[in-house]
Each structure stands twice: as structure tokens, then as C-alpha cells.
């Protein structure tokens, strides 16, 4: 997922960790646009519907490529839970045209700059980072995989096994990971038995090669896809290259993205075998991304999340993050992981820990320097210029290019540049008193989803 933590860590700032809606973006095309960081952005759409976004960074050491589709686990049909994960792994690893089947181990050597394929609740993203010389060839393989992969019964069985293991780990694995997954399931009002059934994904065992091929033909087509390229594109006729590789792929029929899921407040206590002490999460149901106040909410969430993370992180305790907000993947839910006492088995203690930490924030004044410090490191995730620290990092760190390409694809899929340009403007123009208002929002139980895992069988 694309998390604010990535932007802040890349910028080297002392802020801790900070979806997209299924509404399709309006068509938007632009000529080259030079941003304040000297990078050049361009957007256009091929005749077959493929949306293309590029960001030329002349001094970058490589190129990151992402192809995104607006289908995620929320669109898995009943009885086919895990389908989006199954399709994504096959698209990324199965043989296509002259390109052979590949494994994660092989990709480590073939793509040393980085790669990933991920399925969120709302989308599927394929990303590879290549050297400047490799870039045209790697993009050619992207096009071949969009044209179609070859699915064999043996590969299908192996992929089903991988997906079922992955889903079990999501729901029952390390607490830090499973809490992130489970707190949303609680917000969707799914009972423990239903969560376990969906995690097991037994329905995939009945899926055939023909059914998989039918799903791929409907979903993996240009009219559903976004291509983003970020990195050293100087000297390359990108328009011609993209047209030659992707332009004659049949458009297919655009598919509807997943409808929005309604999240509701709730509380759940669940036993977890082998757990040494209770751990928990509080999900905060966020206002809609389309709400004109959402940029103010995001700004306040950065400030509040940093404050709560510092309050809950005692020396010597390792936790990936005490707070995450993947606003390009799941804008409707912020996640917090308060400290829980070893003898504490009350879910109310989770909210109490939040309220106690929030009380000390009411007197904080959000002035222009604070806004700049918080906003500047994340504007690049939504199409804005990069802060100098990020700009320098992108030239030498392939992981930064990886994050940039993925965020470009997500913004293109969800709303488009017209929306995000307005969002960036609002984000940098907070009103006096916004933080206090959002502290009250954070305190309200009607926005809380509490999950406490306790030692048990």
C-alpha cells in the first residue's frame, strides 16, 4: 500500500507514519508541465483507453514503471475470495509471449532495483524498477503481460496455494500485520467465522484455468489500465515507445470498479493462540475523500498521528508504526496501535489511550511553518513537486522511484489530476482552529473501530 510513512521517511523528517474511492477520474490530458522541482510531468490517453502518466527526472539513475487496475479484494465475488490476489500473481509471474515464467527468487536478480505486485482493497498495482538501459525492454514485457499470459493447471494450483497462505497470514499472522487487516473486517461488521472463512479462500480450489482466463480477459485490458513511468526519460521518445508497445492491444470493455464499502464503528475482542500479551488497534473512520474538508483532515491526521506515535513508543520497543494512513489505498480508515498493558483485556482501554494523548493537543497552534513542514514532504505523492530532500533521494534510491510510480498510478486511477490539483491547494490552506475541530472528531466513539487481540486458544 501507498502510505504517508513512505513519503516522510524518504524525506528524512522526524514525523511518524501518516483509497481510494471507486469513482473513475474524468478524462484529463496535458502537455509537458515543468514543476518547481525541475521534473517534467505529462499525461495522455491512448485510443484504446490506456491512461499514461510520466514524470521525467533527468538525473535519476533508472526508471520505475507501474501498471494499475482498479480492482482489488473488495471486488472478489462470493465464493471466490482471493481472486484478485490470484489474478495478480499470475499476471506478474506466468509466461507471456517470449517471456518465460518467473519466480520471486529470479526477480531478485533480474530486477535488483526493485519490484512488487500488490492487491489492496481497491486496486492492483504492478511495479518494476529498471536501469536506464533496461527500461525499454522491461516496458516491452509489461505490454506482453497485458496482452495475455499463459495459465497452466500446474501454475494455477501452485498460485492458489500461495494465495491461500498469504490470506491466512493476513488474518492470523504477526499481530502488527493481522491487526491492520482485521480492524477493517470489524468495521465491515464481519463475524469471526466469516473472517476465517474468507481468509481460507477455499473457493479458489474449485476455480478452473478457463474461468481464470475469462477474468483476465475482462480485467487486464487497456480500457481498465493506467501506466505510470517515473525516472530518467530524457532522450527517449516516450509517446512513440508507449504507442508502439501498447497502442494495438485491444481496448476491452471498461469494468465498473468496486462500489464503496460502508464502514461502521464497532468493538471486537478476539483470542489469539501464542500471543504473550494483549495487543490492539483503533480504526478511525475518516470523512469521504471527496469531502472538501478531507485535506484539512489529512493535515490534522499527520500531526495527531505523530503525536500519538511518540506518546506510545517507549524505549526499546520495536513496532513498525503506531499509526498508518494509506490515503491512496484506503482513504476511509486510519489505523492506530495504542500501547496495551499486559494485564489489560478491556477494549475500552484502546480508546482511553487515544483520548488521554489527544487531550494535550488542543492548545497546539497550526501556523504556516508547521503547515509547510507537514505538507511539503507529501505533496509529491499526489502529483505535486518534491521537497529538496525527496528530490535528492529519488536520484539515488530506486525505492523512492518505486513509491513515486505507484502513487502516480493511484492518483491517475482515482480522480485524476484535476481533483488532485484542487486537493493540493486545499491541503496548503488550513483554517485557524482546524486541528481542534479534528481532535473532537478523533475523540468521538462513533468514529472508532476497536479490536483487541488477547492470549487464548
Protein backbone atom coordinates (compact mmCIF):
# COMPACT_ATOMS: atom_id res chain seq x y z
CA UNK A 1 0.00 0.00 0.00
CA UNK A 2 0.99 3.59 -0.51
CA UNK A 3 1.43 5.03 2.92
CA UNK A 4 2.27 8.51 4.14
CA UNK A 5 5.02 6.89 6.19
CA UNK A 6 6.88 6.25 2.92
CA UNK A 7 6.88 9.92 1.98
CA UNK A 8 8.02 11.09 5.38
CA UNK A 9 10.76 8.51 5.76
CA UNK A 10 12.07 9.32 2.30
CA UNK A 11 12.18 12.98 3.24
CA UNK A 12 14.07 12.16 6.42
CA UNK A 13 11.67 14.12 8.62
CA UNK A 14 11.02 13.29 12.30
CA UNK A 15 7.31 12.69 11.69
CA UNK A 16 6.00 9.18 12.21
CA UNK A 17 3.72 7.31 9.89
CA UNK A 18 0.95 9.10 8.43
CA UNK A 19 -8.09 4.67 -1.04
CA UNK A 20 -9.07 5.26 -2.98
CA UNK A 21 -12.63 5.86 -3.93
CA UNK A 22 -14.00 3.79 -6.77
CA UNK A 23 -15.12 6.89 -8.67
CA UNK A 24 -13.40 6.93 -12.08
CA UNK A 25 -11.45 10.09 -12.98
CA UNK A 26 -12.65 12.40 -15.69
CA UNK A 27 -10.52 12.31 -18.84
CA UNK A 28 -7.59 14.67 -18.46
CA UNK A 29 -4.76 15.35 -20.88
CA UNK A 30 -1.88 17.76 -20.62
CA UNK A 31 1.26 18.76 -22.39
CA UNK A 32 4.61 18.72 -20.61
CA UNK A 33 4.45 20.58 -17.30
CA UNK A 34 7.69 21.52 -15.51
CA UNK A 35 7.22 21.51 -11.75
CA UNK A 36 9.10 23.56 -9.17
CA UNK A 37 11.45 20.62 -8.54
CA UNK A 38 12.53 20.71 -12.26
CA UNK A 39 10.83 17.39 -13.03
CA UNK A 40 8.54 17.28 -16.07
CA UNK A 41 5.08 15.69 -15.91
CA UNK A 42 2.92 14.70 -18.86
CA UNK A 43 -0.41 12.88 -19.15
CA UNK A 44 -2.28 11.44 -22.13
CA UNK A 45 -4.62 8.62 -23.13
CA UNK A 46 -4.17 6.12 -25.96
CA UNK A 47 -7.03 5.39 -28.35
CA UNK A 48 -7.57 2.03 -26.61
CA UNK A 49 -8.20 3.78 -23.28
CA UNK A 50 -4.82 3.25 -21.59
CA UNK A 51 -4.10 6.27 -19.38
CA UNK A 52 -0.42 7.25 -19.30
CA UNK A 53 1.37 9.48 -16.79
CA UNK A 54 5.10 10.22 -16.97
CA UNK A 55 7.50 12.14 -14.74
CA UNK A 56 10.90 12.82 -16.24
CA UNK A 57 13.67 13.13 -13.64
CA UNK A 58 16.78 13.73 -15.75
CA UNK A 59 19.33 12.93 -13.05
CA UNK A 60 17.63 9.75 -11.83
CA UNK A 61 19.56 6.52 -12.12
CA UNK A 62 16.72 4.45 -13.53
CA UNK A 63 13.03 4.27 -14.42
CA UNK A 64 10.15 2.92 -12.34
CA UNK A 65 7.14 1.51 -14.19
CA UNK A 66 3.70 0.80 -12.72
CA UNK A 67 0.59 -0.62 -14.34
CA UNK A 68 -2.50 -0.26 -12.19
CA UNK A 69 -6.02 -1.68 -12.42
CA UNK A 70 -8.98 -0.52 -10.29
CA UNK A 71 -9.77 -3.99 -8.98
CA UNK A 72 -8.90 -5.23 -5.52
CA UNK A 73 -10.03 -7.67 -2.87
CA UNK A 74 -13.28 -5.75 -2.32
CA UNK A 75 -14.40 -6.99 -5.74
CA UNK A 76 -13.79 -10.68 -5.07
CA UNK A 77 -17.08 -12.49 -5.80
CA UNK A 78 -18.70 -14.57 -3.09
CA UNK A 79 -17.06 -17.98 -3.13
CA UNK A 80 -14.00 -16.62 -4.92
CA UNK A 81 -12.32 -14.77 -2.08
CA UNK A 82 -8.68 -14.23 -3.01
CA UNK A 83 -9.44 -13.91 -6.72
CA UNK A 84 -7.74 -10.51 -7.14
CA UNK A 85 -4.59 -11.85 -5.48
CA UNK A 86 -4.68 -14.96 -7.65
CA UNK A 87 -5.01 -12.97 -10.88
CA UNK A 88 -2.29 -10.50 -9.92
CA UNK A 89 0.27 -13.20 -9.19
CA UNK A 90 -0.46 -14.96 -12.45
CA UNK A 91 -0.23 -11.74 -14.49
CA UNK A 92 3.10 -10.93 -12.88
CA UNK A 93 4.74 -14.37 -12.97
CA UNK A 94 3.18 -16.55 -15.68
CA UNK A 95 4.81 -16.78 -19.13
CA UNK A 96 3.76 -14.19 -21.73
CA UNK A 97 4.76 -14.22 -25.40
CA UNK A 98 8.53 -14.82 -25.47
CA UNK A 99 8.92 -14.00 -21.78
CA UNK A 100 9.20 -17.10 -19.57
CA UNK A 101 7.59 -17.81 -16.25
CA UNK A 102 9.42 -16.12 -13.38
CA UNK A 103 9.62 -16.54 -9.62
CA UNK A 104 10.22 -14.11 -6.78
CA UNK A 105 13.71 -15.53 -6.38
CA UNK A 106 14.50 -14.93 -10.05
CA UNK A 107 13.13 -11.41 -9.91
CA UNK A 108 15.54 -10.54 -7.12
CA UNK A 109 18.39 -10.95 -9.59
CA UNK A 110 16.54 -9.78 -12.72
CA UNK A 111 15.23 -6.57 -11.08
CA UNK A 112 17.83 -5.64 -8.45
CA UNK A 113 16.47 -2.06 -8.37
CA UNK A 114 13.16 -3.35 -7.03
CA UNK A 115 9.77 -4.79 -7.98
CA UNK A 116 6.39 -5.51 -6.45
CA UNK A 117 2.88 -6.63 -7.22
CA UNK A 118 0.23 -5.80 -4.68
CA UNK A 119 -3.50 -6.06 -4.23
CA UNK A 120 -5.21 -3.56 -1.96
CA UNK A 121 -8.90 -3.36 -1.14
CA UNK A 122 -9.49 -1.26 -4.25
CA UNK A 123 -6.68 -1.79 -6.75
CA UNK A 124 -3.93 -3.95 -8.20
CA UNK A 125 -0.50 -2.45 -8.90
CA UNK A 126 2.45 -4.00 -10.75
CA UNK A 127 5.77 -2.16 -10.41
CA UNK A 128 9.30 -2.78 -11.64
CA UNK A 129 12.33 -0.50 -11.45
CA UNK A 130 14.92 -0.83 -14.20
CA UNK A 131 18.20 0.73 -15.17
CA UNK A 132 18.07 3.32 -17.96
CA UNK A 133 19.36 0.74 -20.47
CA UNK A 134 16.88 -1.93 -19.33
CA UNK A 135 13.85 0.36 -19.38
CA UNK A 136 12.57 -0.23 -22.98
CA UNK A 137 12.91 -3.99 -22.65
CA UNK A 138 11.16 -4.14 -19.28
CA UNK A 139 8.34 -1.96 -20.60
CA UNK A 140 8.02 -4.36 -23.52
CA UNK A 141 7.44 -7.19 -21.06
CA UNK A 142 4.75 -5.11 -19.31
CA UNK A 143 2.96 -4.82 -22.66
CA UNK A 144 3.31 -8.54 -23.33
CA UNK A 145 1.73 -9.36 -19.97
CA UNK A 146 -1.16 -7.00 -20.69
CA UNK A 147 -1.70 -8.82 -23.99
CA UNK A 148 -2.13 -12.06 -22.09
CA UNK A 149 -0.31 -14.66 -20.02
CA UNK A 150 -0.37 -18.43 -20.38
CA UNK A 151 -2.01 -20.15 -17.42
CA UNK A 152 -1.29 -23.86 -16.93
CA UNK A 153 -3.07 -26.17 -14.46
CA UNK A 154 0.20 -26.67 -12.60
CA UNK A 155 0.87 -22.95 -12.25
CA UNK A 156 -2.72 -22.35 -11.19
CA UNK A 157 -2.52 -24.95 -8.41
CA UNK A 158 0.75 -23.50 -7.13
CA UNK A 159 -0.61 -19.95 -7.20
CA UNK A 160 -3.78 -20.97 -5.36
CA UNK A 161 -1.60 -22.47 -2.65
CA UNK A 162 0.44 -19.26 -2.39
CA UNK A 163 -2.66 -17.06 -2.20
CA UNK A 164 -4.30 -19.14 0.50
CA UNK A 165 -1.14 -18.98 2.59
CA UNK A 166 -0.93 -15.23 2.07
CA UNK A 167 -4.54 -14.69 3.12
CA UNK A 168 -4.10 -16.83 6.22
CA UNK A 169 -1.05 -14.76 7.17
CA UNK A 170 -3.08 -11.55 6.68
CA UNK A 171 -5.70 -12.67 9.16
CA UNK A 172 -3.70 -14.82 11.57
CA UNK A 173 -0.05 -13.84 11.13
CA UNK A 174 2.11 -11.38 13.04
CA UNK A 175 -0.09 -9.13 15.20
CA UNK A 176 1.24 -5.95 13.59
CA UNK A 177 0.11 -7.21 10.17
CA UNK A 178 -3.09 -9.01 11.10
CA UNK A 179 -4.38 -6.08 13.18
CA UNK A 180 -4.12 -3.88 10.11
CA UNK A 181 -6.21 -6.34 8.12
CA UNK A 182 -8.67 -7.35 10.84
CA UNK A 183 -9.66 -3.91 12.08
CA UNK A 184 -11.21 -3.20 8.68
CA UNK A 185 -13.04 -6.52 8.77
CA UNK A 186 -14.56 -5.45 12.09
CA UNK A 187 -15.57 -2.13 10.50
CA UNK A 188 -17.32 -4.15 7.78
CA UNK A 189 -19.22 -5.98 10.54
CA UNK A 190 -17.90 -9.37 9.56
CA UNK A 191 -18.18 -12.03 12.26
CA UNK A 192 -15.12 -14.03 13.32
CA UNK A 193 -16.35 -17.12 11.48
CA UNK A 194 -16.91 -15.18 8.27
CA UNK A 195 -13.46 -13.62 8.51
CA UNK A 196 -11.91 -17.07 8.94
CA UNK A 197 -13.90 -18.44 6.01
CA UNK A 198 -12.90 -15.59 3.72
CA UNK A 199 -9.27 -15.86 4.81
CA UNK A 200 -9.21 -19.60 4.00
CA UNK A 201 -10.28 -18.87 0.37
CA UNK A 202 -11.33 -22.48 -0.14
CA UNK A 203 -13.45 -21.46 -3.12
CA UNK A 204 -10.29 -20.95 -5.16
CA UNK A 205 -9.71 -24.69 -5.14
CA UNK A 206 -12.68 -25.06 -7.50
CA UNK A 207 -11.58 -22.43 -10.00
CA UNK A 208 -10.56 -23.65 -13.45
CA UNK A 209 -8.00 -22.40 -15.95
CA UNK A 210 -10.85 -21.36 -18.24
CA UNK A 211 -12.52 -19.28 -15.52
CA UNK A 212 -9.21 -17.57 -14.71
CA UNK A 213 -8.68 -16.77 -18.39
CA UNK A 214 -12.17 -15.26 -18.59
CA UNK A 215 -11.46 -12.99 -15.61
CA UNK A 216 -8.14 -11.92 -17.11
CA UNK A 217 -9.72 -11.08 -20.47
CA UNK A 218 -12.29 -8.86 -18.77
CA UNK A 219 -10.00 -7.13 -16.30
CA UNK A 220 -6.48 -6.92 -17.73
CA UNK A 221 -7.18 -4.67 -20.69
CA UNK A 222 -6.09 -1.13 -21.62
CA UNK A 223 -9.51 0.43 -21.00
CA UNK A 224 -9.15 -0.52 -17.33
CA UNK A 225 -5.45 0.30 -17.00
CA UNK A 226 -3.15 3.12 -16.01
CA UNK A 227 0.56 3.20 -16.90
CA UNK A 228 2.96 5.44 -14.99
CA UNK A 229 6.65 6.00 -15.73
CA UNK A 230 8.94 7.85 -13.33
CA UNK A 231 12.66 8.42 -13.76
CA UNK A 232 15.26 9.20 -16.39
CA UNK A 233 13.24 9.58 -19.61
CA UNK A 234 15.42 12.17 -21.28
CA UNK A 235 16.34 11.25 -24.84
CA UNK A 236 13.53 8.71 -25.15
CA UNK A 237 10.52 9.30 -27.39
CA UNK A 238 8.16 8.01 -24.72
CA UNK A 239 4.99 8.73 -26.72
CA UNK A 240 6.24 6.64 -29.62
CA UNK A 241 7.57 3.86 -27.39
CA UNK A 242 4.31 3.53 -25.46
CA UNK A 243 2.22 3.70 -28.63
CA UNK A 244 4.30 1.01 -30.35
CA UNK A 245 4.15 -1.35 -27.35
CA UNK A 246 0.58 -0.81 -26.11
CA UNK A 247 -1.32 1.00 -28.84
CA UNK A 248 -2.58 -2.03 -30.75
CA UNK A 249 -3.69 -4.04 -27.69
CA UNK A 250 -7.50 -4.45 -27.93
CA UNK A 251 -9.19 -1.96 -25.61
CA UNK A 252 -11.58 -4.41 -23.98
CA UNK A 253 -14.68 -3.28 -22.14
CA UNK A 254 -14.26 -0.93 -19.17
CA UNK A 255 -15.36 -2.65 -15.97
CA UNK A 256 -17.00 -0.96 -13.03
CA UNK A 257 -14.75 -0.50 -10.03
CA UNK A 258 -15.77 -1.79 -6.63
CA UNK A 259 -18.59 0.21 -5.01
CA UNK A 260 -17.65 1.93 -1.77
CA UNK A 261 -17.98 -0.15 1.38
CA UNK A 262 -19.70 1.44 4.33
CA UNK A 263 -17.57 1.23 7.47
CA UNK A 264 -19.28 1.26 10.85
CA UNK A 265 -17.98 1.74 14.39
CA UNK A 266 -17.66 -1.41 16.45
CA UNK A 267 -15.74 -3.33 19.09
CA UNK A 268 -14.29 -6.81 18.99
CA UNK A 269 -12.19 -8.91 21.39
CA UNK A 270 -10.58 -11.95 19.76
CA UNK A 271 -8.39 -14.67 21.33
CA UNK A 272 -5.09 -15.41 19.61
CA UNK A 273 -3.09 -18.55 20.41
CA UNK A 274 0.54 -17.95 21.30
CA UNK A 275 0.08 -14.27 21.99
CA UNK A 276 2.19 -13.28 25.04
CA UNK A 277 0.08 -10.23 25.93
CA UNK A 278 -2.84 -8.22 24.56
CA UNK A 279 -2.35 -6.01 21.51
CA UNK A 280 -4.91 -3.83 19.85
CA UNK A 281 -5.86 -1.37 17.16
CA UNK A 282 -8.24 1.54 16.81
CA UNK A 283 -9.53 2.26 13.35
CA UNK A 284 -10.72 5.81 12.82
CA UNK A 285 -13.41 6.12 10.16
CA UNK A 286 -12.38 9.08 8.01
CA UNK A 287 -14.52 11.58 6.12
CA UNK A 288 -15.00 10.91 2.43
CA UNK A 289 -12.05 11.71 0.18
CA UNK A 290 -14.39 13.85 -1.95
CA UNK A 291 -15.29 15.97 1.07
CA UNK A 292 -13.73 19.42 0.65
CA UNK A 293 -12.58 19.15 4.28
CA UNK A 294 -10.56 15.98 3.71
CA UNK A 295 -7.28 17.87 3.06
CA UNK A 296 -7.71 19.54 6.46
CA UNK A 297 -8.37 16.09 7.97
CA UNK A 298 -5.21 14.70 6.36
CA UNK A 299 -3.09 17.55 7.70
CA UNK A 300 -4.50 17.11 11.20
CA UNK A 301 -4.04 13.34 10.96
CA UNK A 302 -0.34 13.82 10.25
CA UNK A 303 0.01 16.00 13.35
CA UNK A 304 -2.16 13.80 15.57
CA UNK A 305 -0.57 10.58 14.34
CA UNK A 306 2.92 11.85 15.02
CA UNK A 307 1.90 12.97 18.50
CA UNK A 308 0.21 9.67 19.39
CA UNK A 309 3.09 7.62 18.00
CA UNK A 310 5.57 9.48 20.17
CA UNK A 311 3.34 9.04 23.20
CA UNK A 312 3.01 5.28 22.66
CA UNK A 313 6.56 4.34 21.68
CA UNK A 314 8.58 3.54 24.82
CA UNK A 315 12.34 2.96 24.52
CA UNK A 316 13.36 -0.49 23.43
CA UNK A 317 10.03 -1.49 21.91
CA UNK A 318 10.05 -2.24 18.20
CA UNK A 319 6.82 -1.61 16.29
CA UNK A 320 6.78 -0.85 12.60
CA UNK A 321 4.43 2.03 13.19
CA UNK A 322 1.96 3.10 15.85
CA UNK A 323 -0.12 4.74 13.17
CA UNK A 324 -0.72 4.32 9.44
CA UNK A 325 -2.91 6.10 6.92
CA UNK A 326 -2.70 4.80 3.38
CA UNK A 327 -4.80 7.55 1.89
CA UNK A 328 -4.19 6.46 -1.71
CA UNK A 329 -5.29 2.90 -0.93
CA UNK A 330 -7.84 3.16 1.88
CA UNK A 331 -8.77 6.79 2.50
CA UNK A 332 -11.71 5.78 4.65
CA UNK A 333 -9.75 4.30 7.57
CA UNK A 334 -6.84 5.50 9.71
CA UNK A 335 -5.22 2.88 11.94
CA UNK A 336 -3.68 3.37 15.38
CA UNK A 337 -1.96 0.84 17.60
CA UNK A 338 -2.02 2.06 21.23
CA UNK A 339 0.07 0.55 23.97
CA UNK A 340 -1.86 -2.09 25.91
CA UNK A 341 -0.89 -3.13 29.44
CA UNK A 342 -0.01 -6.81 29.86
CA UNK A 343 -2.92 -7.32 32.26
CA UNK A 344 -5.40 -5.30 30.20
CA UNK A 345 -8.26 -7.13 28.48
CA UNK A 346 -10.73 -4.25 28.09
CA UNK A 347 -11.21 -2.91 24.56
CA UNK A 348 -12.25 0.40 26.11
CA UNK A 349 -8.65 0.86 27.15
CA UNK A 350 -7.74 1.37 23.49
CA UNK A 351 -9.96 4.43 23.15
CA UNK A 352 -8.94 5.66 26.58
CA UNK A 353 -5.29 5.65 25.49
CA UNK A 354 -6.21 7.75 22.45
CA UNK A 355 -8.29 10.22 24.45
CA UNK A 356 -5.55 10.72 27.02
CA UNK A 357 -2.97 11.51 24.33
CA UNK A 358 -5.38 13.74 22.39
CA UNK A 359 -6.17 15.99 25.35
CA UNK A 360 -2.72 17.53 25.26
CA UNK A 361 -3.13 18.65 21.62
CA UNK A 362 -5.95 21.17 22.00
CA UNK A 363 -3.59 24.03 22.71
CA UNK A 364 -1.37 23.34 19.69
CA UNK A 365 -1.35 26.19 17.16
CA UNK A 366 -1.06 25.25 13.49
CA UNK A 367 0.83 28.09 11.83
CA UNK A 368 2.25 28.45 8.34
CA UNK A 369 5.73 27.00 9.15
CA UNK A 370 4.12 23.91 10.67
CA UNK A 371 1.88 23.50 7.63
CA UNK A 372 4.89 23.71 5.31
CA UNK A 373 6.81 21.19 7.41
CA UNK A 374 3.94 18.71 7.29
CA UNK A 375 2.63 19.27 3.74
CA UNK A 376 5.81 19.65 1.73
CA UNK A 377 7.07 16.07 2.21
CA UNK A 378 3.81 14.51 0.94
CA UNK A 379 2.79 16.74 -1.99
CA UNK A 380 4.80 14.57 -4.39
CA UNK A 381 2.58 11.58 -3.55
CA UNK A 382 -0.41 13.41 -5.05
CA UNK A 383 1.29 14.89 -8.12
CA UNK A 384 3.00 17.95 -6.63
CA UNK A 385 6.68 18.92 -6.58
CA UNK A 386 9.14 17.01 -4.45
CA UNK A 387 10.76 18.58 -1.42
CA UNK A 388 14.54 19.05 -1.88
CA UNK A 389 15.26 16.09 0.43
CA UNK A 390 12.97 13.83 -1.57
CA UNK A 391 14.26 15.17 -4.89
CA UNK A 392 17.82 14.29 -3.88
CA UNK A 393 16.77 10.87 -2.61
CA UNK A 394 14.93 9.99 -5.81
CA UNK A 395 18.11 10.42 -7.86
CA UNK A 396 19.96 7.74 -5.90
CA UNK A 397 17.34 5.48 -4.27
CA UNK A 398 15.29 3.14 -6.50
CA UNK A 399 12.80 2.66 -3.67
CA UNK A 400 11.86 6.34 -3.95
CA UNK A 401 11.22 5.91 -7.68
CA UNK A 402 9.16 2.82 -6.85
CA UNK A 403 6.96 4.82 -4.46
CA UNK A 404 6.61 7.66 -6.94
CA UNK A 405 5.47 5.47 -9.84
CA UNK A 406 2.90 3.71 -7.65
CA UNK A 407 1.46 6.95 -6.32
CA UNK A 408 1.25 8.39 -9.85
CA UNK A 409 -0.75 5.36 -10.98
CA UNK A 410 -3.04 5.56 -7.96
CA UNK A 411 -3.79 9.25 -8.49
CA UNK A 412 -4.48 8.61 -12.17
CA UNK A 413 -6.86 5.75 -11.38
CA UNK A 414 -8.68 7.56 -8.60
CA UNK A 415 -10.00 11.01 -9.52
CA UNK A 416 -7.24 12.24 -11.84
CA UNK A 417 -5.13 15.38 -11.87
CA UNK A 418 -7.98 17.90 -11.81
CA UNK A 419 -9.11 16.52 -8.48
CA UNK A 420 -5.61 16.25 -7.00
CA UNK A 421 -4.56 19.73 -8.06
CA UNK A 422 -7.50 21.15 -6.10
CA UNK A 423 -6.70 18.83 -3.20
CA UNK A 424 -3.09 20.07 -3.03
CA UNK A 425 -4.27 23.67 -2.92
CA UNK A 426 -6.67 22.99 -0.06
CA UNK A 427 -4.07 20.99 1.83
CA UNK A 428 -1.78 24.01 1.99
CA UNK A 429 -4.52 26.42 3.12
CA UNK A 430 -5.80 25.21 6.51
CA UNK A 431 -8.18 27.33 8.57
CA UNK A 432 -7.50 28.51 12.09
CA UNK A 433 -8.99 26.07 14.56
CA UNK A 434 -8.98 23.09 12.18
CA UNK A 435 -6.84 20.96 14.49
CA UNK A 436 -9.12 21.47 17.50
CA UNK A 437 -12.12 20.51 15.37
CA UNK A 438 -10.46 17.31 14.22
CA UNK A 439 -9.35 16.46 17.76
CA UNK A 440 -13.06 16.44 18.65
CA UNK A 441 -13.71 14.22 15.62
CA UNK A 442 -10.99 11.83 16.77
CA UNK A 443 -12.48 11.69 20.27
CA UNK A 444 -15.95 10.71 19.11
CA UNK A 445 -16.77 6.98 19.69
CA UNK A 446 -18.98 6.99 16.59
CA UNK A 447 -15.78 7.09 14.51
CA UNK A 448 -13.92 4.32 16.40
CA UNK A 449 -13.42 0.69 15.38
CA UNK A 450 -11.74 -1.17 18.26
CA UNK A 451 -10.07 -4.54 18.04
CA UNK A 452 -8.25 -6.21 20.93
CA UNK A 453 -6.34 -9.46 20.50
CA UNK A 454 -5.88 -11.34 23.77
CA UNK A 455 -3.94 -14.51 24.66
CA UNK A 456 -6.09 -17.58 24.17
CA UNK A 457 -6.65 -20.79 22.30
